[in-house]
Every structure is written in structure tokens, then in C-alpha cells.
Protein backbone atom coordinates (compact mmCIF):
# COMPACT_ATOMS: atom_id res chain seq x y z
CA UNK A 1 0.00 0.00 0.00
CA UNK A 2 1.41 3.39 -1.01
CA UNK A 3 1.66 5.91 1.81
CA UNK A 4 0.20 9.36 1.28
CA UNK A 5 2.36 12.45 1.21
CA UNK A 6 3.09 13.79 4.69
CA UNK A 7 1.98 17.36 5.25
CA UNK A 8 4.88 19.49 6.46
CA UNK A 9 3.48 21.14 9.58
CA UNK A 10 3.73 20.68 13.34
CA UNK A 11 2.07 17.54 14.63
CA UNK A 12 -0.48 18.63 17.21
CA UNK A 13 -0.87 15.30 19.02
CA UNK A 14 1.99 14.96 21.54
CA UNK A 15 2.17 11.16 21.36
CA UNK A 16 2.24 11.09 17.56
CA UNK A 17 4.82 13.88 17.58
CA UNK A 18 7.14 11.92 19.89
CA UNK A 19 6.79 8.73 17.84
CA UNK A 20 7.58 10.61 14.63
CA UNK A 21 10.57 12.29 16.24
CA UNK A 22 12.04 8.97 17.38
CA UNK A 23 11.61 7.35 13.96
CA UNK A 24 13.03 10.26 11.99
CA UNK A 25 15.87 10.83 14.46
CA UNK A 26 16.99 7.23 14.12
CA UNK A 27 16.71 7.44 10.35
CA UNK A 28 18.78 10.65 10.26
CA UNK A 29 21.49 9.15 12.47
CA UNK A 30 21.58 6.06 10.26
CA UNK A 31 21.93 8.20 7.12
CA UNK A 32 24.78 10.17 8.72
CA UNK A 33 26.60 6.95 9.56
CA UNK A 34 26.12 5.55 6.06
CA UNK A 35 27.40 8.78 4.51
CA UNK A 36 30.56 8.69 6.62
CA UNK A 37 31.28 5.04 5.77
CA UNK A 38 30.37 5.01 2.08
CA UNK A 39 31.97 8.36 1.16
CA UNK A 40 34.74 8.58 3.76
CA UNK A 41 33.30 11.92 4.88
CA UNK A 42 33.67 13.72 8.18
CA UNK A 43 30.17 14.04 9.60
CA UNK A 44 28.97 15.77 12.74
CA UNK A 45 25.28 15.68 13.59
CA UNK A 46 23.68 17.39 16.62
CA UNK A 47 19.98 17.08 17.50
CA UNK A 48 18.08 18.67 20.37
CA UNK A 49 14.60 17.37 21.09
CA UNK A 50 11.66 19.51 22.16
CA UNK A 51 12.52 18.52 25.75
CA UNK A 52 16.10 19.78 25.23
CA UNK A 53 17.58 16.28 25.13
CA UNK A 54 20.80 15.98 23.12
CA UNK A 55 21.43 13.38 20.43
CA UNK A 56 24.63 13.44 18.42
CA UNK A 57 26.76 11.51 15.96
CA UNK A 58 30.29 12.21 14.76
CA UNK A 59 32.87 10.25 12.81
CA UNK A 60 35.53 11.38 15.28
CA UNK A 61 35.38 13.55 18.37
CA UNK A 62 32.55 16.07 18.18
CA UNK A 63 34.93 18.70 19.53
CA UNK A 64 37.34 18.05 16.65
CA UNK A 65 34.49 18.35 14.16
CA UNK A 66 33.40 21.68 15.66
CA UNK A 67 36.97 23.03 15.69
CA UNK A 68 37.40 21.97 12.08
CA UNK A 69 34.20 23.81 11.20
CA UNK A 70 35.31 26.96 13.02
CA UNK A 71 38.69 26.97 11.24
CA UNK A 72 36.99 26.55 7.90
CA UNK A 73 34.51 29.38 8.43
CA UNK A 74 37.31 31.63 9.73
CA UNK A 75 39.33 31.04 6.57
CA UNK A 76 36.31 31.93 4.42
CA UNK A 77 35.73 35.11 6.40
CA UNK A 78 39.39 36.08 5.90
CA UNK A 79 39.17 35.44 2.14
CA UNK A 80 35.95 37.39 1.56
CA UNK A 81 37.32 40.87 2.41
CA UNK A 82 40.18 40.38 -0.04
CA UNK A 83 37.75 39.32 -2.76
CA UNK A 84 35.44 42.24 -2.03
CA UNK A 85 38.37 44.66 -2.12
CA UNK A 86 39.50 43.26 -5.46
CA UNK A 87 35.98 43.51 -6.87
CA UNK A 88 35.70 47.09 -5.62
CA UNK A 89 39.01 47.98 -7.26
CA UNK A 90 37.86 46.52 -10.59
CA UNK A 91 34.54 48.35 -10.31
CA UNK A 92 36.27 51.68 -9.67
CA UNK A 93 38.62 51.09 -12.61
CA UNK A 94 35.75 50.27 -14.97
CA UNK A 95 33.78 53.28 -13.76
CA UNK A 96 36.74 55.60 -14.30
CA UNK A 97 37.29 54.21 -17.81
CA UNK A 98 33.63 54.71 -18.72
CA UNK A 99 33.66 58.28 -17.39
CA UNK A 100 36.68 59.11 -19.56
CA UNK A 101 34.99 57.65 -22.63
CA UNK A 102 31.82 59.65 -21.92
CA UNK A 103 33.87 62.83 -21.49
CA UNK A 104 35.63 62.26 -24.83
CA UNK A 105 32.31 61.62 -26.57
CA UNK A 106 30.84 64.81 -25.08
CA UNK A 107 33.84 66.85 -26.29
CA UNK A 108 33.59 65.31 -29.75
CA UNK A 109 29.86 66.06 -29.86
CA UNK A 110 30.38 69.72 -28.90
CA UNK A 111 33.07 70.13 -31.55
CA UNK A 112 30.88 68.59 -34.25
CA UNK A 113 28.17 71.09 -33.27
CA UNK A 114 30.65 73.92 -33.78
CA UNK A 115 31.45 74.56 -30.12
CA UNK A 116 34.90 74.87 -28.51
CA UNK A 117 36.74 74.84 -31.84
CA UNK A 118 39.36 77.36 -30.72
CA UNK A 119 41.52 74.68 -29.12
CA UNK A 120 41.38 72.37 -32.17
CA UNK A 121 44.40 71.90 -34.37
CA UNK A 122 44.26 71.91 -38.15
CA UNK A 123 44.49 68.13 -38.22
CA UNK A 124 41.56 67.77 -35.83
CA UNK A 125 39.45 70.16 -37.92
CA UNK A 126 40.24 68.16 -41.07
CA UNK A 127 39.29 64.93 -39.32
CA UNK A 128 35.98 66.44 -38.23
CA UNK A 129 35.37 67.69 -41.76
CA UNK A 130 35.91 64.19 -43.18
CA UNK A 131 33.68 62.72 -40.49
CA UNK A 132 30.89 65.17 -41.29
CA UNK A 133 31.21 64.43 -45.01
CA UNK A 134 30.92 60.70 -44.37
CA UNK A 135 27.88 61.25 -42.16
CA UNK A 136 26.22 63.45 -44.80
CA UNK A 137 26.85 60.84 -47.50
CA UNK A 138 25.35 58.12 -45.31
CA UNK A 139 22.26 60.22 -44.58
CA UNK A 140 21.89 61.18 -48.25
CA UNK A 141 22.11 57.53 -49.35
CA UNK A 142 19.54 56.57 -46.74
CA UNK A 143 17.18 59.32 -47.92
CA UNK A 144 17.52 58.23 -51.54
CA UNK A 145 16.83 54.62 -50.57
CA UNK A 146 13.73 55.60 -48.58
CA UNK A 147 12.38 57.78 -51.39
CA UNK A 148 13.04 55.05 -53.95
CA UNK A 149 11.08 52.60 -51.80
CA UNK A 150 8.19 55.08 -51.58
CA UNK A 151 8.23 55.52 -55.37
CA UNK A 152 8.11 51.74 -55.89
CA UNK A 153 5.16 51.46 -53.49
CA UNK A 154 3.28 54.24 -55.28
CA UNK A 155 3.92 52.65 -58.67
CA UNK A 156 2.67 49.30 -57.39
CA UNK A 157 -0.50 50.95 -56.07
CA UNK A 158 -1.06 52.64 -59.41
CA UNK A 159 -0.28 49.52 -61.45
CA UNK A 160 -3.11 48.28 -63.64
CA UNK A 161 -5.04 51.56 -63.41
CA UNK A 162 -5.38 53.84 -66.41
CA UNK A 163 -3.52 57.08 -65.74
CA UNK A 164 -5.51 60.22 -66.32
CA UNK A 165 -3.90 63.16 -68.05
CA UNK A 166 -4.38 66.86 -67.48
CA UNK A 167 -6.50 68.93 -69.82
CA UNK A 168 -3.42 69.94 -71.79
CA UNK A 169 -2.52 66.32 -72.40
CA UNK A 170 0.52 66.45 -70.16
CA UNK A 171 1.30 63.81 -67.58
CA UNK A 172 1.06 64.58 -63.88
CA UNK A 173 4.47 65.15 -62.27
CA UNK A 174 4.91 64.90 -58.52
CA UNK A 175 8.10 66.10 -56.89
CA UNK A 176 8.98 64.63 -53.49
CA UNK A 177 11.60 66.63 -51.67
CA UNK A 178 12.87 67.19 -48.16
CA UNK A 179 13.39 70.66 -46.77
CA UNK A 180 16.33 69.51 -44.63
CA UNK A 181 18.13 67.59 -47.38
CA UNK A 182 19.59 68.33 -50.79
CA UNK A 183 18.07 65.07 -52.07
CA UNK A 184 15.18 65.57 -54.50
CA UNK A 185 13.33 62.80 -56.29
CA UNK A 186 10.74 63.25 -59.05
CA UNK A 187 7.87 60.82 -59.45
CA UNK A 188 6.07 60.78 -62.81
CA UNK A 189 2.60 59.26 -62.79
CA UNK A 190 1.62 58.31 -66.29
CA UNK A 191 2.20 55.81 -69.03
CA UNK A 192 5.78 54.77 -69.73
CA UNK A 193 7.71 56.78 -72.31
CA UNK A 194 7.48 54.00 -74.87
CA UNK A 195 3.69 53.91 -74.62
CA UNK A 196 3.32 57.69 -74.91
CA UNK A 197 5.31 57.77 -78.16
CA UNK A 198 3.10 55.10 -79.74
CA UNK A 199 -0.13 57.01 -79.07
CA UNK A 200 -1.78 58.51 -82.22
């Protein structure tokens, strides 16, 4: 018969609580002994009952086990401050490096905006000029690409529809431009050139 899962809470009945304590205490002591024998481990187990009765198990003297534990924890406590100090040093170094990088970026930004140029050498001014030219070329290429994509979308929307002409027989011409850019793209809505030449 399979036993049900034991609910982990205090047993209210005093007799049942004492019986459970005795069974589980013996099982825990047995497991501690098996662990020490099978794995050649140093084990120290201390149990105080609800009536303050002591039960213990140790592979050697309990005092030796406790002293070994105290030495081990003392060594860890001595190592931790050194590790924390090293981590703090690394953190300060990384913070200082990041602050310097931010300061250089701020100076570069101000110079590109035309501020604090008095202290710049001719070489620095030429480098900034080249950098601005590269940035303008990248922006211009991006604008052209975006406008070309818009033209393709408009042509696809107008595909298959008969284009109307103005009263003078001229095709409609739409110019798409940007006030903040020198890029200008013309979009002609009408029949292709080859078709217009074939018309009677």
C-alpha cells in the first residue's frame, strides 16, 4: 500500500509527535553513519529534542568536528574581504574608464556642433570635416533609398489603373523633396515613355 504524502506542519498530538521524532531521528542518524562510511566523509550531527535532550553523531570527536568547522569558516571570512576589495578595485577602474569615454564623446559632440573649436588643431578640424562628409553621405544615401522605396510602393498601387492626363494632355508630375536635405526625387505618374510615343 502506497503511503500518502506527509503534510509538512507541526504535529499537534503529543504522542504522535514523539513517535515521529524517534523514527526520523533514528533514520537521520543512520543516514549520517552511512554517509561517513560510504563516502569517507567527516560528519557531525547534533539534535536537540523539544525537551532539550541531546542526540549526536560524529565520525571522530565532536569537539574536533566543531573546531574543524570553526577553522573553515574563519578562513572563508578572511578570504571574503580580499575578494570584495578586489571587486571594488575593478569596479572603480571600470567606472573611471567609462567616465573618460563619456567625457571624450561629449567633447567630440560639442566640436561637431561647432562649439569649442578654438583649441582644435588643423588636423583635428580636417578629421571632423571628413567625419561630417561621411555622415552626410550616409544620410543622403539613406534618404535616396527611402524615397526610392516610396516611389516603388506608389507605382505598385497605381499599377493596372489607367492614368488620367491633365486637360493639356501632359502627364502629372509629382516632386517629393525634403526641406532639410539636398536630395530631391521626381515621381512621374503616367504611361511609360514607350507607350506615350506610340499614341496617335
